[in-house]
Amino acid sequence: MKRTAVFLLAVFCLLIATGSVFAAGGKQQSSAGGTQKVYYIGKEAGSVYWQTVNRGADAAAKDLGINLISLNPNSESEVDKQVTMVETAVNDKAAAIVLAPLDSQALIQPCINARNAGIPLIIVDSMIASNDFDAAYMTDNYNGGELCADFLAEQLNGTGTVFIINAVAGSGSLIARQAGFIDRMKSAHKGVRILNENDVIYCNNDPITAATQAVDTIAANPNLNAFFAPNTNVLKGVGQGVKEAGKGGKVLVAGFDSDDDIVALVKEGVITGMILQSPYKMGYMGVEGALKRIKGEIPNNASVNDTGCFMATKANLDDPQIKELL
């Protein structure tokens, strides 16, 4: 019994030392002893996607000798908690802040406050609705939405109906993905009709809610052909709902991001396509950009750097590039 306790304690200490523990609302110091103290503030502690972004940030911190402090809310609905985290970083006189904003409006003033305090502010993944940041590293989310529209329209042979279920209303990345999807479908694929273009529903980033919404939507729209789901939890939930409704492969599902459950649904033919981003690269470049800004090597001109996205399907899951992203 004593040996087991000692072993578990050693493993826990090792996880802390290697930056593998993701703090939920608390500090994780990833690279103690670095010359610059940089805060990384993500979106959700328990998400595989956000843990991957955090791992990329950790790797950059270790490579560059940065003392990285990671903070992550418990869920993407905790906007107020994330605002407080930015305030914590400012009060701690961070050398720079790398932030994935949960809300495009609510995080504007905290970003302004950071920059007014002389702290470089680097954005990753999602935009704020202003230019109050130094540089950004993210997927071109609008383009990703367009890519998903083209893919679904092709799968539907240019005609059919689509329903959108989104996660939360204020996220800059989700707003851009939805806008790109709608605009592209309306301009280039006029034979595909979006049933709820002006009345998009939200699942509060809960896959169980998204599954229920998908089942209810199929029941209310027996001729529905497809769903668009713009993030991990929505895509997973909608896929599960389509499966529960017995419509796998009949009602198509496409959207953003992946985890093991989503990949399994793709292999089953329930989810038709998933857009993969580069979360590790995003986190790495965010911290790398923070150090460059501290050193004056890049200007504070709100430049946006695209980290890329790719469509994955059952047919290309074994492609080397897709396997690497997965």
C-alpha atoms as a PDB file:
ATOM      1  CA  MET A   1       0.000   0.000   0.000  1.00  0.00           C
ATOM      2  CA  LYS A   2       2.814   2.361   0.895  1.00  0.00           C
ATOM      3  CA  ARG A   3       4.627   1.557  -2.337  1.00  0.00           C
ATOM      4  CA  THR A   4       1.485   2.381  -4.343  1.00  0.00           C
ATOM      5  CA  ALA A   5       1.070   5.730  -2.581  1.00  0.00           C
ATOM      6  CA  VAL A   6       4.706   6.637  -3.174  1.00  0.00           C
ATOM      7  CA  PHE A   7       4.434   5.630  -6.839  1.00  0.00           C
ATOM      8  CA  LEU A   8       1.275   7.722  -7.377  1.00  0.00           C
ATOM      9  CA  LEU A   9       2.887  10.702  -5.686  1.00  0.00           C
ATOM     10  CA  ALA A  10       5.927  10.365  -7.944  1.00  0.00           C
ATOM     11  CA  VAL A  11       3.738  10.196 -11.061  1.00  0.00           C
ATOM     12  CA  PHE A  12       1.806  13.284  -9.973  1.00  0.00           C
ATOM     13  CA  CYS A  13       5.028  15.194  -9.366  1.00  0.00           C
ATOM     14  CA  LEU A  14       6.272  14.140 -12.790  1.00  0.00           C
ATOM     15  CA  LEU A  15       3.078  15.397 -14.438  1.00  0.00           C
ATOM     16  CA  ILE A  16       3.469  18.749 -12.757  1.00  0.00           C
ATOM     17  CA  ALA A  17       7.117  18.977 -13.754  1.00  0.00           C
ATOM     18  CA  THR A  18       6.329  18.222 -17.397  1.00  0.00           C
ATOM     19  CA  GLY A  19       3.414  20.637 -17.601  1.00  0.00           C
ATOM     20  CA  SER A  20       0.835  17.878 -18.111  1.00  0.00           C
ATOM     21  CA  VAL A  21      -1.618  19.022 -15.447  1.00  0.00           C
ATOM     22  CA  PHE A  22      -4.166  21.493 -16.842  1.00  0.00           C
ATOM     23  CA  ALA A  23      -5.407  23.902 -14.215  1.00  0.00           C
ATOM     24  CA  ALA A  24      -9.139  24.503 -14.120  1.00  0.00           C
ATOM     25  CA  GLY A  25      -9.455  28.047 -12.899  1.00  0.00           C
ATOM     26  CA  GLY A  26      -6.074  27.832 -11.190  1.00  0.00           C
ATOM     27  CA  LYS A  27      -2.417  28.326 -12.050  1.00  0.00           C
ATOM     28  CA  GLN A  28      -0.263  25.774 -13.794  1.00  0.00           C
ATOM     29  CA  GLN A  29       3.379  26.850 -13.919  1.00  0.00           C
ATOM     30  CA  SER A  30       4.808  25.046 -16.914  1.00  0.00           C
ATOM     31  CA  SER A  31       8.396  26.203 -17.142  1.00  0.00           C
ATOM     32  CA  ALA A  32       9.664  27.522 -13.838  1.00  0.00           C
ATOM     33  CA  GLY A  33      12.923  29.416 -13.964  1.00  0.00           C
ATOM     34  CA  GLY A  34      12.259  31.091 -17.320  1.00  0.00           C
ATOM     35  CA  THR A  35      13.384  34.656 -17.781  1.00  0.00           C
ATOM     36  CA  GLN A  36       9.974  35.946 -18.891  1.00  0.00           C
ATOM     37  CA  LYS A  37       6.662  35.321 -17.095  1.00  0.00           C
ATOM     38  CA  VAL A  38       3.951  34.812 -19.699  1.00  0.00           C
ATOM     39  CA  TYR A  39       0.325  33.929 -18.990  1.00  0.00           C
ATOM     40  CA  TYR A  40      -1.552  31.557 -21.287  1.00  0.00           C
ATOM     41  CA  ILE A  41      -5.348  31.796 -20.806  1.00  0.00           C
ATOM     42  CA  GLY A  42      -7.348  29.149 -22.666  1.00  0.00           C
ATOM     43  CA  LYS A  43     -11.029  28.365 -23.056  1.00  0.00           C
ATOM     44  CA  GLU A  44     -11.748  25.044 -21.342  1.00  0.00           C
ATOM     45  CA  ALA A  45      -9.707  22.838 -19.014  1.00  0.00           C
ATOM     46  CA  GLY A  46     -11.270  19.483 -19.896  1.00  0.00           C
ATOM     47  CA  SER A  47     -11.349  19.764 -23.702  1.00  0.00           C
ATOM     48  CA  VAL A  48      -8.903  17.629 -25.702  1.00  0.00           C
ATOM     49  CA  TYR A  49      -8.626  20.456 -28.228  1.00  0.00           C
ATOM     50  CA  TRP A  50      -7.729  23.031 -25.572  1.00  0.00           C
ATOM     51  CA  GLN A  51      -5.348  20.681 -23.820  1.00  0.00           C
ATOM     52  CA  THR A  52      -3.572  20.358 -27.177  1.00  0.00           C
ATOM     53  CA  VAL A  53      -3.332  24.138 -27.533  1.00  0.00           C
ATOM     54  CA  ASN A  54      -1.936  24.252 -24.000  1.00  0.00           C
ATOM     55  CA  ARG A  55       0.619  21.550 -24.825  1.00  0.00           C
ATOM     56  CA  GLY A  56       1.833  23.613 -27.761  1.00  0.00           C
ATOM     57  CA  ALA A  57       2.168  26.634 -25.471  1.00  0.00           C
ATOM     58  CA  ASP A  58       4.065  24.503 -22.922  1.00  0.00           C
ATOM     59  CA  ALA A  59       6.456  23.242 -25.592  1.00  0.00           C
ATOM     60  CA  ALA A  60       7.239  26.765 -26.771  1.00  0.00           C
ATOM     61  CA  ALA A  61       7.814  27.869 -23.179  1.00  0.00           C
ATOM     62  CA  LYS A  62      10.320  25.078 -22.616  1.00  0.00           C
ATOM     63  CA  ASP A  63      12.082  25.667 -25.930  1.00  0.00           C
ATOM     64  CA  LEU A  64      12.329  29.417 -25.400  1.00  0.00           C
ATOM     65  CA  GLY A  65      13.028  29.549 -21.655  1.00  0.00           C
ATOM     66  CA  ILE A  66       9.742  31.189 -20.701  1.00  0.00           C
ATOM     67  CA  ASN A  67       8.049  30.881 -17.329  1.00  0.00           C
ATOM     68  CA  LEU A  68       4.543  30.002 -18.575  1.00  0.00           C
ATOM     69  CA  ILE A  69       1.541  30.202 -16.260  1.00  0.00           C
ATOM     70  CA  SER A  70      -1.550  28.496 -17.707  1.00  0.00           C
ATOM     71  CA  LEU A  71      -5.124  29.314 -16.679  1.00  0.00           C
ATOM     72  CA  ASN A  72      -8.201  27.572 -18.086  1.00  0.00           C
ATOM     73  CA  PRO A  73     -11.896  28.010 -17.210  1.00  0.00           C
ATOM     74  CA  ASN A  74     -13.875  24.846 -16.553  1.00  0.00           C
ATOM     75  CA  SER A  75     -16.167  25.472 -19.533  1.00  0.00           C
ATOM     76  CA  GLU A  76     -16.563  27.811 -22.488  1.00  0.00           C
ATOM     77  CA  SER A  77     -19.558  29.452 -20.805  1.00  0.00           C
ATOM     78  CA  GLU A  78     -17.432  30.920 -17.970  1.00  0.00           C
ATOM     79  CA  VAL A  79     -16.756  34.274 -19.617  1.00  0.00           C
ATOM     80  CA  ASP A  80     -16.645  36.185 -16.315  1.00  0.00           C
ATOM     81  CA  LYS A  81     -14.048  33.774 -14.953  1.00  0.00           C
ATOM     82  CA  GLN A  82     -11.863  34.328 -17.994  1.00  0.00           C
ATOM     83  CA  VAL A  83     -12.139  38.103 -17.575  1.00  0.00           C
ATOM     84  CA  THR A  84     -10.924  37.645 -13.995  1.00  0.00           C
ATOM     85  CA  MET A  85      -8.014  35.546 -15.238  1.00  0.00           C
ATOM     86  CA  VAL A  86      -6.865  38.364 -17.514  1.00  0.00           C
ATOM     87  CA  GLU A  87      -7.118  40.755 -14.555  1.00  0.00           C
ATOM     88  CA  THR A  88      -4.991  38.330 -12.527  1.00  0.00           C
ATOM     89  CA  ALA A  89      -2.301  38.331 -15.213  1.00  0.00           C
ATOM     90  CA  VAL A  90      -2.306  42.143 -15.354  1.00  0.00           C
ATOM     91  CA  ASN A  91      -2.090  42.448 -11.574  1.00  0.00           C
ATOM     92  CA  ASP A  92       0.783  39.956 -11.579  1.00  0.00           C
ATOM     93  CA  LYS A  93       2.655  42.193 -14.054  1.00  0.00           C
ATOM     94  CA  ALA A  94       2.929  39.524 -16.726  1.00  0.00           C
ATOM     95  CA  ALA A  95       5.540  40.072 -19.421  1.00  0.00           C
ATOM     96  CA  ALA A  96       2.866  39.101 -21.969  1.00  0.00           C
ATOM     97  CA  ILE A  97      -0.549  37.452 -22.162  1.00  0.00           C
ATOM     98  CA  VAL A  98      -1.588  34.785 -24.672  1.00  0.00           C
ATOM     99  CA  LEU A  99      -5.393  34.693 -24.714  1.00  0.00           C
ATOM    100  CA  ALA A 100      -8.093  32.620 -26.417  1.00  0.00           C
ATOM    101  CA  PRO A 101     -11.114  34.931 -25.894  1.00  0.00           C
ATOM    102  CA  LEU A 102     -14.345  33.236 -24.903  1.00  0.00           C
ATOM    103  CA  ASP A 103     -16.425  36.211 -25.987  1.00  0.00           C
ATOM    104  CA  SER A 104     -15.623  38.668 -28.766  1.00  0.00           C
ATOM    105  CA  GLN A 105     -17.170  41.621 -26.889  1.00  0.00           C
ATOM    106  CA  ALA A 106     -16.649  40.877 -23.202  1.00  0.00           C
ATOM    107  CA  LEU A 107     -12.871  40.470 -23.553  1.00  0.00           C
ATOM    108  CA  ILE A 108     -12.275  43.786 -25.344  1.00  0.00           C
ATOM    109  CA  GLN A 109     -11.902  45.895 -22.190  1.00  0.00           C
ATOM    110  CA  PRO A 110      -9.644  43.381 -20.405  1.00  0.00           C
ATOM    111  CA  CYS A 111      -7.403  43.382 -23.501  1.00  0.00           C
ATOM    112  CA  ILE A 112      -7.352  47.186 -23.490  1.00  0.00           C
ATOM    113  CA  ASN A 113      -6.475  47.184 -19.793  1.00  0.00           C
ATOM    114  CA  ALA A 114      -3.577  44.775 -20.396  1.00  0.00           C
ATOM    115  CA  ARG A 115      -2.121  46.852 -23.197  1.00  0.00           C
ATOM    116  CA  ASN A 116      -2.585  50.074 -21.234  1.00  0.00           C
ATOM    117  CA  ALA A 117      -0.469  48.408 -18.534  1.00  0.00           C
ATOM    118  CA  GLY A 118       2.260  47.883 -21.118  1.00  0.00           C
ATOM    119  CA  ILE A 119       1.621  44.139 -21.452  1.00  0.00           C
ATOM    120  CA  PRO A 120       1.693  42.654 -24.978  1.00  0.00           C
ATOM    121  CA  LEU A 121      -1.545  40.806 -25.763  1.00  0.00           C
ATOM    122  CA  ILE A 122      -1.423  37.864 -28.166  1.00  0.00           C
ATOM    123  CA  ILE A 123      -4.654  36.255 -29.388  1.00  0.00           C
ATOM    124  CA  VAL A 124      -5.048  32.574 -30.317  1.00  0.00           C
ATOM    125  CA  ASP A 125      -7.991  30.700 -31.876  1.00  0.00           C
ATOM    126  CA  SER A 126     -10.740  33.350 -31.566  1.00  0.00           C
ATOM    127  CA  MET A 127     -10.891  37.039 -32.375  1.00  0.00           C
ATOM    128  CA  ILE A 128     -12.162  39.923 -30.278  1.00  0.00           C
ATOM    129  CA  ALA A 129     -14.340  42.524 -31.984  1.00  0.00           C
ATOM    130  CA  SER A 130     -11.603  45.177 -31.987  1.00  0.00           C
ATOM    131  CA  ASN A 131      -7.932  45.608 -32.830  1.00  0.00           C
ATOM    132  CA  ASP A 132      -6.860  45.833 -29.182  1.00  0.00           C
ATOM    133  CA  PHE A 133      -4.236  43.101 -29.452  1.00  0.00           C
ATOM    134  CA  ASP A 134      -0.673  42.880 -30.741  1.00  0.00           C
ATOM    135  CA  ALA A 135      -0.837  39.774 -32.948  1.00  0.00           C
ATOM    136  CA  ALA A 136      -3.090  36.751 -33.491  1.00  0.00           C
ATOM    137  CA  TYR A 137      -2.463  33.122 -34.446  1.00  0.00           C
ATOM    138  CA  MET A 138      -5.539  31.177 -35.494  1.00  0.00           C
ATOM    139  CA  THR A 139      -7.467  29.316 -38.123  1.00  0.00           C
ATOM    140  CA  ASP A 140      -9.109  31.488 -40.748  1.00  0.00           C
ATOM    141  CA  ASN A 141     -12.460  30.547 -39.253  1.00  0.00           C
ATOM    142  CA  TYR A 142     -14.546  32.273 -41.923  1.00  0.00           C
ATOM    143  CA  ASN A 143     -12.667  30.342 -44.600  1.00  0.00           C
ATOM    144  CA  GLY A 144     -13.191  27.148 -42.598  1.00  0.00           C
ATOM    145  CA  GLY A 145     -16.930  27.787 -42.634  1.00  0.00           C
ATOM    146  CA  GLU A 146     -16.786  28.264 -46.406  1.00  0.00           C
ATOM    147  CA  LEU A 147     -14.838  25.015 -46.766  1.00  0.00           C
ATOM    148  CA  CYS A 148     -17.516  23.169 -44.791  1.00  0.00           C
ATOM    149  CA  ALA A 149     -20.278  24.678 -46.944  1.00  0.00           C
ATOM    150  CA  ASP A 150     -18.523  23.567 -50.140  1.00  0.00           C
ATOM    151  CA  PHE A 151     -18.041  20.079 -48.723  1.00  0.00           C
ATOM    152  CA  LEU A 152     -21.665  19.605 -47.641  1.00  0.00           C
ATOM    153  CA  ALA A 153     -23.016  21.045 -50.892  1.00  0.00           C
ATOM    154  CA  GLU A 154     -20.867  18.584 -52.844  1.00  0.00           C
ATOM    155  CA  GLN A 155     -22.053  15.666 -50.691  1.00  0.00           C
ATOM    156  CA  LEU A 156     -25.665  16.770 -51.274  1.00  0.00           C
ATOM    157  CA  ASN A 157     -25.124  17.090 -55.041  1.00  0.00           C
ATOM    158  CA  GLY A 158     -26.046  20.746 -54.844  1.00  0.00           C
ATOM    159  CA  THR A 159     -29.553  20.410 -53.434  1.00  0.00           C
ATOM    160  CA  GLY A 160     -31.110  19.840 -49.991  1.00  0.00           C
ATOM    161  CA  THR A 161     -31.702  21.323 -46.574  1.00  0.00           C
ATOM    162  CA  VAL A 162     -29.266  22.037 -43.733  1.00  0.00           C
ATOM    163  CA  PHE A 163     -29.795  22.912 -40.066  1.00  0.00           C
ATOM    164  CA  ILE A 164     -27.232  24.737 -37.901  1.00  0.00           C
ATOM    165  CA  ILE A 165     -26.663  23.938 -34.231  1.00  0.00           C
ATOM    166  CA  ASN A 166     -23.996  26.124 -32.614  1.00  0.00           C
ATOM    167  CA  ALA A 167     -22.313  26.109 -29.199  1.00  0.00           C
ATOM    168  CA  VAL A 168     -22.433  29.607 -27.686  1.00  0.00           C
ATOM    169  CA  ALA A 169     -23.463  32.965 -29.103  1.00  0.00           C
ATOM    170  CA  GLY A 170     -20.497  35.210 -28.277  1.00  0.00           C
ATOM    171  CA  SER A 171     -17.431  33.270 -29.444  1.00  0.00           C
ATOM    172  CA  GLY A 172     -15.553  35.064 -32.223  1.00  0.00           C
ATOM    173  CA  SER A 173     -14.398  31.826 -33.868  1.00  0.00           C
ATOM    174  CA  LEU A 174     -17.906  30.342 -33.891  1.00  0.00           C
ATOM    175  CA  ILE A 175     -19.413  33.560 -35.239  1.00  0.00           C
ATOM    176  CA  ALA A 176     -16.892  33.560 -38.094  1.00  0.00           C
ATOM    177  CA  ARG A 177     -17.389  29.863 -38.914  1.00  0.00           C
ATOM    178  CA  GLN A 178     -21.158  30.261 -39.024  1.00  0.00           C
ATOM    179  CA  ALA A 179     -20.932  33.422 -41.138  1.00  0.00           C
ATOM    180  CA  GLY A 180     -18.557  31.788 -43.613  1.00  0.00           C
ATOM    181  CA  PHE A 181     -20.824  28.748 -43.889  1.00  0.00           C
ATOM    182  CA  ILE A 182     -23.998  30.766 -44.432  1.00  0.00           C
ATOM    183  CA  ASP A 183     -22.463  33.291 -46.839  1.00  0.00           C
ATOM    184  CA  ARG A 184     -20.815  30.627 -48.974  1.00  0.00           C
ATOM    185  CA  MET A 185     -23.905  28.438 -49.116  1.00  0.00           C
ATOM    186  CA  LYS A 186     -26.093  31.383 -50.157  1.00  0.00           C
ATOM    187  CA  SER A 187     -23.677  32.704 -52.778  1.00  0.00           C
ATOM    188  CA  ALA A 188     -22.307  29.514 -54.342  1.00  0.00           C
ATOM    189  CA  HIS A 189     -24.805  26.748 -53.561  1.00  0.00           C
ATOM    190  CA  LYS A 190     -28.248  28.213 -54.018  1.00  0.00           C
ATOM    191  CA  GLY A 191     -29.847  24.776 -54.268  1.00  0.00           C
ATOM    192  CA  VAL A 192     -29.040  24.085 -50.605  1.00  0.00           C
ATOM    193  CA  ARG A 193     -31.359  25.830 -48.152  1.00  0.00           C
ATOM    194  CA  ILE A 194     -30.395  26.599 -44.550  1.00  0.00           C
ATOM    195  CA  LEU A 195     -33.588  26.049 -42.558  1.00  0.00           C
ATOM    196  CA  ASN A 196     -32.673  28.201 -39.561  1.00  0.00           C
ATOM    197  CA  GLU A 197     -30.342  30.829 -41.033  1.00  0.00           C
ATOM    198  CA  ASN A 198     -32.028  33.559 -38.971  1.00  0.00           C
ATOM    199  CA  ASP A 199     -32.817  31.415 -35.946  1.00  0.00           C
ATOM    200  CA  VAL A 200     -29.681  29.415 -35.119  1.00  0.00           C
ATOM    201  CA  ILE A 201     -29.997  27.421 -31.889  1.00  0.00           C
ATOM    202  CA  TYR A 202     -27.284  26.967 -29.262  1.00  0.00           C
ATOM    203  CA  CYS A 203     -26.481  24.019 -27.016  1.00  0.00           C
ATOM    204  CA  ASN A 204     -24.397  25.941 -24.440  1.00  0.00           C
ATOM    205  CA  ASN A 205     -21.447  23.840 -25.587  1.00  0.00           C
ATOM    206  CA  ASP A 206     -23.026  20.714 -24.121  1.00  0.00           C
ATOM    207  CA  PRO A 207     -22.915  17.591 -26.350  1.00  0.00           C
ATOM    208  CA  ILE A 208     -25.876  15.984 -24.562  1.00  0.00           C
ATOM    209  CA  THR A 209     -28.017  19.056 -25.279  1.00  0.00           C
ATOM    210  CA  ALA A 210     -26.796  19.084 -28.895  1.00  0.00           C
ATOM    211  CA  ALA A 211     -27.781  15.411 -29.273  1.00  0.00           C
ATOM    212  CA  THR A 212     -31.289  16.125 -27.975  1.00  0.00           C
ATOM    213  CA  GLN A 213     -31.605  19.141 -30.265  1.00  0.00           C
ATOM    214  CA  ALA A 214     -30.546  17.034 -33.246  1.00  0.00           C
ATOM    215  CA  VAL A 215     -33.105  14.319 -32.463  1.00  0.00           C
ATOM    216  CA  ASP A 216     -35.866  16.936 -32.041  1.00  0.00           C
ATOM    217  CA  THR A 217     -34.844  18.729 -35.256  1.00  0.00           C
ATOM    218  CA  ILE A 218     -34.971  15.501 -37.279  1.00  0.00           C
ATOM    219  CA  ALA A 219     -38.417  14.719 -35.864  1.00  0.00           C
ATOM    220  CA  ALA A 220     -39.684  18.201 -36.767  1.00  0.00           C
ATOM    221  CA  ASN A 221     -38.090  18.179 -40.235  1.00  0.00           C
ATOM    222  CA  PRO A 222     -38.459  14.692 -41.761  1.00  0.00           C
ATOM    223  CA  ASN A 223     -36.914  15.840 -45.053  1.00  0.00           C
ATOM    224  CA  LEU A 224     -33.782  17.301 -43.419  1.00  0.00           C
ATOM    225  CA  ASN A 225     -30.580  16.406 -45.255  1.00  0.00           C
ATOM    226  CA  ALA A 226     -27.691  17.707 -43.143  1.00  0.00           C
ATOM    227  CA  PHE A 227     -26.377  19.470 -40.008  1.00  0.00           C
ATOM    228  CA  PHE A 228     -23.561  21.980 -39.627  1.00  0.00           C
ATOM    229  CA  ALA A 229     -21.864  21.814 -36.201  1.00  0.00           C
ATOM    230  CA  PRO A 230     -19.080  24.394 -35.654  1.00  0.00           C
ATOM    231  CA  ASN A 231     -17.082  22.919 -32.749  1.00  0.00           C
ATOM    232  CA  THR A 232     -16.094  19.695 -30.968  1.00  0.00           C
ATOM    233  CA  ASN A 233     -18.927  19.410 -28.473  1.00  0.00           C
ATOM    234  CA  VAL A 234     -21.601  20.324 -31.006  1.00  0.00           C
ATOM    235  CA  LEU A 235     -20.230  17.971 -33.650  1.00  0.00           C
ATOM    236  CA  LYS A 236     -19.976  15.093 -31.182  1.00  0.00           C
ATOM    237  CA  GLY A 237     -23.462  15.744 -29.800  1.00  0.00           C
ATOM    238  CA  VAL A 238     -25.151  16.180 -33.170  1.00  0.00           C
ATOM    239  CA  GLY A 239     -23.457  13.044 -34.482  1.00  0.00           C
ATOM    240  CA  GLN A 240     -24.698  11.082 -31.499  1.00  0.00           C
ATOM    241  CA  GLY A 241     -28.202  12.496 -31.935  1.00  0.00           C
ATOM    242  CA  VAL A 242     -28.297  11.523 -35.615  1.00  0.00           C
ATOM    243  CA  LYS A 243     -27.154   8.023 -34.659  1.00  0.00           C
ATOM    244  CA  GLU A 244     -29.827   7.747 -31.945  1.00  0.00           C
ATOM    245  CA  ALA A 245     -32.469   8.852 -34.461  1.00  0.00           C
ATOM    246  CA  GLY A 246     -31.404   6.034 -36.790  1.00  0.00           C
ATOM    247  CA  LYS A 247     -30.337   8.505 -39.481  1.00  0.00           C
ATOM    248  CA  GLY A 248     -26.605   7.799 -39.638  1.00  0.00           C
ATOM    249  CA  GLY A 249     -25.424   8.220 -43.244  1.00  0.00           C
ATOM    250  CA  LYS A 250     -28.868   9.513 -44.262  1.00  0.00           C
ATOM    251  CA  VAL A 251     -28.725  12.901 -42.520  1.00  0.00           C
ATOM    252  CA  LEU A 252     -25.204  14.180 -43.121  1.00  0.00           C
ATOM    253  CA  VAL A 253     -23.161  15.837 -40.372  1.00  0.00           C
ATOM    254  CA  ALA A 254     -20.148  18.087 -40.893  1.00  0.00           C
ATOM    255  CA  GLY A 255     -18.356  20.554 -38.658  1.00  0.00           C
ATOM    256  CA  PHE A 256     -15.197  21.474 -36.792  1.00  0.00           C
ATOM    257  CA  ASP A 257     -12.631  19.603 -34.698  1.00  0.00           C
ATOM    258  CA  SER A 258     -12.280  16.076 -33.400  1.00  0.00           C
ATOM    259  CA  ASP A 259     -11.826  13.781 -30.445  1.00  0.00           C
ATOM    260  CA  ASP A 260     -11.914  10.001 -30.107  1.00  0.00           C
ATOM    261  CA  ASP A 261     -15.729   9.906 -30.070  1.00  0.00           C
ATOM    262  CA  ILE A 262     -15.962  12.012 -33.227  1.00  0.00           C
ATOM    263  CA  VAL A 263     -13.380   9.904 -35.059  1.00  0.00           C
ATOM    264  CA  ALA A 264     -15.346   6.773 -34.104  1.00  0.00           C
ATOM    265  CA  LEU A 265     -18.527   8.341 -35.552  1.00  0.00           C
ATOM    266  CA  VAL A 266     -16.648   9.240 -38.739  1.00  0.00           C
ATOM    267  CA  LYS A 267     -15.478   5.624 -39.073  1.00  0.00           C
ATOM    268  CA  GLU A 268     -19.094   4.469 -38.581  1.00  0.00           C
ATOM    269  CA  GLY A 269     -20.257   6.799 -41.356  1.00  0.00           C
ATOM    270  CA  VAL A 270     -22.404   8.892 -39.002  1.00  0.00           C
ATOM    271  CA  ILE A 271     -20.277  12.051 -39.239  1.00  0.00           C
ATOM    272  CA  THR A 272     -19.457  12.839 -42.859  1.00  0.00           C
ATOM    273  CA  GLY A 273     -16.641  15.341 -42.436  1.00  0.00           C
ATOM    274  CA  MET A 274     -14.686  17.234 -39.784  1.00  0.00           C
ATOM    275  CA  ILE A 275     -12.495  20.274 -40.259  1.00  0.00           C
ATOM    276  CA  LEU A 276      -9.214  19.795 -38.432  1.00  0.00           C
ATOM    277  CA  GLN A 277      -7.263  22.764 -37.151  1.00  0.00           C
ATOM    278  CA  SER A 278      -3.691  22.991 -35.839  1.00  0.00           C
ATOM    279  CA  PRO A 279      -4.216  23.553 -32.098  1.00  0.00           C
ATOM    280  CA  TYR A 280      -0.688  22.542 -31.074  1.00  0.00           C
ATOM    281  CA  LYS A 281       0.796  24.922 -33.645  1.00  0.00           C
ATOM    282  CA  MET A 282      -1.589  27.639 -32.470  1.00  0.00           C
ATOM    283  CA  GLY A 283      -0.413  27.364 -28.865  1.00  0.00           C
ATOM    284  CA  TYR A 284       3.248  27.161 -29.849  1.00  0.00           C
ATOM    285  CA  MET A 285       3.099  30.160 -32.180  1.00  0.00           C
ATOM    286  CA  GLY A 286       1.109  32.155 -29.631  1.00  0.00           C
ATOM    287  CA  VAL A 287       3.836  31.862 -26.989  1.00  0.00           C
ATOM    288  CA  GLU A 288       6.584  32.272 -29.584  1.00  0.00           C
ATOM    289  CA  GLY A 289       4.850  35.432 -30.822  1.00  0.00           C
ATOM    290  CA  ALA A 290       4.577  36.728 -27.258  1.00  0.00           C
ATOM    291  CA  LEU A 291       8.354  36.472 -26.805  1.00  0.00           C
ATOM    292  CA  LYS A 292       8.978  38.122 -30.175  1.00  0.00           C
ATOM    293  CA  ARG A 293       6.693  40.988 -29.186  1.00  0.00           C
ATOM    294  CA  ILE A 294       8.448  41.363 -25.808  1.00  0.00           C
ATOM    295  CA  LYS A 295      11.759  41.640 -27.681  1.00  0.00           C
ATOM    296  CA  GLY A 296      10.350  44.076 -30.226  1.00  0.00           C
ATOM    297  CA  GLU A 297      10.883  41.633 -33.082  1.00  0.00           C
ATOM    298  CA  ILE A 298       7.286  41.975 -34.337  1.00  0.00           C
ATOM    299  CA  PRO A 299       5.139  45.153 -34.353  1.00  0.00           C
ATOM    300  CA  ASN A 300       1.976  45.620 -32.294  1.00  0.00           C
ATOM    301  CA  ASN A 301      -0.146  46.009 -35.404  1.00  0.00           C
ATOM    302  CA  ALA A 302      -2.925  43.451 -34.752  1.00  0.00           C
ATOM    303  CA  SER A 303      -1.596  41.152 -37.473  1.00  0.00           C
ATOM    304  CA  VAL A 304      -3.563  37.902 -37.937  1.00  0.00           C
ATOM    305  CA  ASN A 305      -1.615  34.758 -38.884  1.00  0.00           C
ATOM    306  CA  ASP A 306      -3.518  31.794 -40.346  1.00  0.00           C
ATOM    307  CA  THR A 307      -2.496  28.411 -38.883  1.00  0.00           C
ATOM    308  CA  GLY A 308      -4.500  26.421 -41.453  1.00  0.00           C
ATOM    309  CA  CYS A 309      -7.356  23.899 -41.532  1.00  0.00           C
ATOM    310  CA  PHE A 310      -8.122  20.691 -43.433  1.00  0.00           C
ATOM    311  CA  MET A 311     -11.210  18.565 -44.167  1.00  0.00           C
ATOM    312  CA  ALA A 312     -11.015  15.008 -42.817  1.00  0.00           C
ATOM    313  CA  THR A 313     -13.364  12.214 -43.902  1.00  0.00           C
ATOM    314  CA  LYS A 314     -13.587   8.461 -43.512  1.00  0.00           C
ATOM    315  CA  ALA A 315     -11.670   8.147 -46.793  1.00  0.00           C
ATOM    316  CA  ASN A 316      -8.579  10.120 -45.730  1.00  0.00           C
ATOM    317  CA  LEU A 317      -8.220   9.294 -42.025  1.00  0.00           C
ATOM    318  CA  ASP A 318      -5.028   7.366 -42.744  1.00  0.00           C
ATOM    319  CA  ASP A 319      -3.351  10.148 -44.737  1.00  0.00           C
ATOM    320  CA  PRO A 320      -0.136  11.203 -42.940  1.00  0.00           C
ATOM    321  CA  GLN A 321      -1.148  14.878 -42.662  1.00  0.00           C
ATOM    322  CA  ILE A 322      -4.576  14.005 -41.225  1.00  0.00           C
ATOM    323  CA  LYS A 323      -3.122  11.433 -38.808  1.00  0.00           C
ATOM    324  CA  GLU A 324      -0.696  14.030 -37.512  1.00  0.00           C
ATOM    325  CA  LEU A 325      -3.489  16.520 -36.851  1.00  0.00           C
ATOM    326  CA  LEU A 326      -5.578  13.841 -35.139  1.00  0.00           C
END
